[in-house]
Amino acid sequence: MTDARLTGWLLDSDPALAWQVERDLVGAPEETWQATRARVATEGFGAELLAHQATAWPDESGSTPTSPPVNPPNGSPSRRSGY
């Protein structure tokens, strides 16, 4: 049995954790924990992670926002050709 205060504290946390508490500890209906789980991409740690991930992935040219172009569009040699 889980202490009600602990369960309440966990449920009041980040959606990335709260949905699992609803599903695994509280036994909430699937509609409830699915709704909380859907918030992971737009709230809290999940949203923060996705925001960082979006700026870290290479674009079509193979570059990230902080790296020089891997395949420059003008056909000139890349500054990263030593890799």
C-alpha atoms as a PDB file:
ATOM      1  CA  MET A   1       0.000   0.000   0.000  1.00  0.00           C
ATOM      2  CA  THR A   2       1.323   3.413  -0.936  1.00  0.00           C
ATOM      3  CA  ASP A   3       1.074   6.326   1.480  1.00  0.00           C
ATOM      4  CA  ALA A   4      -1.608   8.760   0.263  1.00  0.00           C
ATOM      5  CA  ARG A   5       0.680  11.757   0.851  1.00  0.00           C
ATOM      6  CA  LEU A   6       3.400  10.210  -1.290  1.00  0.00           C
ATOM      7  CA  THR A   7       0.933   9.303  -4.025  1.00  0.00           C
ATOM      8  CA  GLY A   8      -0.479  12.839  -4.003  1.00  0.00           C
ATOM      9  CA  TRP A   9       2.999  14.314  -4.231  1.00  0.00           C
ATOM     10  CA  LEU A  10       3.906  12.042  -7.150  1.00  0.00           C
ATOM     11  CA  LEU A  11       0.658  12.826  -8.946  1.00  0.00           C
ATOM     12  CA  ASP A  12       1.341  16.537  -8.552  1.00  0.00           C
ATOM     13  CA  SER A  13       4.688  16.178 -10.328  1.00  0.00           C
ATOM     14  CA  ASP A  14       5.799  16.227 -13.934  1.00  0.00           C
ATOM     15  CA  PRO A  15       3.427  14.492 -16.378  1.00  0.00           C
ATOM     16  CA  ALA A  16       6.292  12.172 -17.419  1.00  0.00           C
ATOM     17  CA  LEU A  17       6.095  10.643 -13.943  1.00  0.00           C
ATOM     18  CA  ALA A  18       2.460  11.295 -13.043  1.00  0.00           C
ATOM     19  CA  TRP A  19       0.952   9.130 -15.791  1.00  0.00           C
ATOM     20  CA  GLN A  20       2.968   6.141 -14.611  1.00  0.00           C
ATOM     21  CA  VAL A  21       1.836   6.715 -11.028  1.00  0.00           C
ATOM     22  CA  GLU A  22      -1.766   6.858 -12.230  1.00  0.00           C
ATOM     23  CA  ARG A  23      -1.366   3.631 -14.178  1.00  0.00           C
ATOM     24  CA  ASP A  24       0.890   1.572 -11.914  1.00  0.00           C
ATOM     25  CA  LEU A  25       0.251   2.760  -8.358  1.00  0.00           C
ATOM     26  CA  VAL A  26      -3.231   4.239  -8.324  1.00  0.00           C
ATOM     27  CA  GLY A  27      -4.860   1.946 -10.871  1.00  0.00           C
ATOM     28  CA  ALA A  28      -6.590   4.862 -12.594  1.00  0.00           C
ATOM     29  CA  PRO A  29      -8.732   4.154 -15.664  1.00  0.00           C
ATOM     30  CA  GLU A  30      -6.810   4.042 -18.940  1.00  0.00           C
ATOM     31  CA  GLU A  31      -8.491   7.234 -20.176  1.00  0.00           C
ATOM     32  CA  THR A  32      -7.070   9.083 -17.181  1.00  0.00           C
ATOM     33  CA  TRP A  33      -3.451   8.038 -17.483  1.00  0.00           C
ATOM     34  CA  GLN A  34      -3.533   8.278 -21.282  1.00  0.00           C
ATOM     35  CA  ALA A  35      -4.667  11.906 -20.990  1.00  0.00           C
ATOM     36  CA  THR A  36      -1.825  12.662 -18.572  1.00  0.00           C
ATOM     37  CA  ARG A  37       0.652  10.809 -20.775  1.00  0.00           C
ATOM     38  CA  ALA A  38      -0.442  12.895 -23.772  1.00  0.00           C
ATOM     39  CA  ARG A  39       0.732  16.010 -21.873  1.00  0.00           C
ATOM     40  CA  VAL A  40       4.340  14.737 -21.695  1.00  0.00           C
ATOM     41  CA  ALA A  41       5.255  16.206 -25.098  1.00  0.00           C
ATOM     42  CA  THR A  42       3.905  19.655 -24.257  1.00  0.00           C
ATOM     43  CA  GLU A  43       4.611  20.107 -20.541  1.00  0.00           C
ATOM     44  CA  GLY A  44       7.484  19.652 -18.128  1.00  0.00           C
ATOM     45  CA  PHE A  45      10.607  17.595 -18.698  1.00  0.00           C
ATOM     46  CA  GLY A  46       9.296  15.883 -21.835  1.00  0.00           C
ATOM     47  CA  ALA A  47       8.612  19.204 -23.548  1.00  0.00           C
ATOM     48  CA  GLU A  48      12.013  20.522 -22.495  1.00  0.00           C
ATOM     49  CA  LEU A  49      13.764  17.435 -23.847  1.00  0.00           C
ATOM     50  CA  LEU A  50      11.918  17.627 -27.147  1.00  0.00           C
ATOM     51  CA  ALA A  51      12.750  21.327 -27.489  1.00  0.00           C
ATOM     52  CA  HIS A  52      16.460  20.617 -27.054  1.00  0.00           C
ATOM     53  CA  GLN A  53      16.280  17.633 -29.344  1.00  0.00           C
ATOM     54  CA  ALA A  54      14.712  19.719 -32.100  1.00  0.00           C
ATOM     55  CA  THR A  55      17.686  22.097 -32.062  1.00  0.00           C
ATOM     56  CA  ALA A  56      20.292  19.337 -31.869  1.00  0.00           C
ATOM     57  CA  TRP A  57      19.340  17.142 -34.804  1.00  0.00           C
ATOM     58  CA  PRO A  58      21.036  17.776 -38.126  1.00  0.00           C
ATOM     59  CA  ASP A  59      19.004  19.339 -40.892  1.00  0.00           C
ATOM     60  CA  GLU A  60      18.850  18.013 -44.462  1.00  0.00           C
ATOM     61  CA  SER A  61      22.398  19.230 -45.185  1.00  0.00           C
ATOM     62  CA  GLY A  62      23.778  17.345 -42.190  1.00  0.00           C
ATOM     63  CA  SER A  63      24.375  20.484 -40.123  1.00  0.00           C
ATOM     64  CA  THR A  64      23.182  21.350 -36.669  1.00  0.00           C
ATOM     65  CA  PRO A  65      22.614  24.981 -35.674  1.00  0.00           C
ATOM     66  CA  THR A  66      26.063  25.111 -34.058  1.00  0.00           C
ATOM     67  CA  SER A  67      28.088  23.190 -36.636  1.00  0.00           C
ATOM     68  CA  PRO A  68      29.456  24.242 -40.015  1.00  0.00           C
ATOM     69  CA  PRO A  69      27.729  22.718 -43.048  1.00  0.00           C
ATOM     70  CA  VAL A  70      28.682  19.127 -43.774  1.00  0.00           C
ATOM     71  CA  ASN A  71      27.469  19.340 -47.376  1.00  0.00           C
ATOM     72  CA  PRO A  72      27.513  23.003 -48.323  1.00  0.00           C
ATOM     73  CA  PRO A  73      24.861  23.846 -50.920  1.00  0.00           C
ATOM     74  CA  ASN A  74      27.343  25.604 -53.232  1.00  0.00           C
ATOM     75  CA  GLY A  75      29.467  22.489 -53.677  1.00  0.00           C
ATOM     76  CA  SER A  76      32.545  23.927 -51.976  1.00  0.00           C
ATOM     77  CA  PRO A  77      34.563  21.616 -49.712  1.00  0.00           C
ATOM     78  CA  SER A  78      33.310  21.354 -46.187  1.00  0.00           C
ATOM     79  CA  ARG A  79      35.304  22.860 -43.353  1.00  0.00           C
ATOM     80  CA  ARG A  80      34.738  19.531 -41.620  1.00  0.00           C
ATOM     81  CA  SER A  81      36.386  17.480 -44.368  1.00  0.00           C
ATOM     82  CA  GLY A  82      39.031  16.219 -41.948  1.00  0.00           C
ATOM     83  CA  TYR A  83      36.475  13.990 -40.245  1.00  0.00           C
END
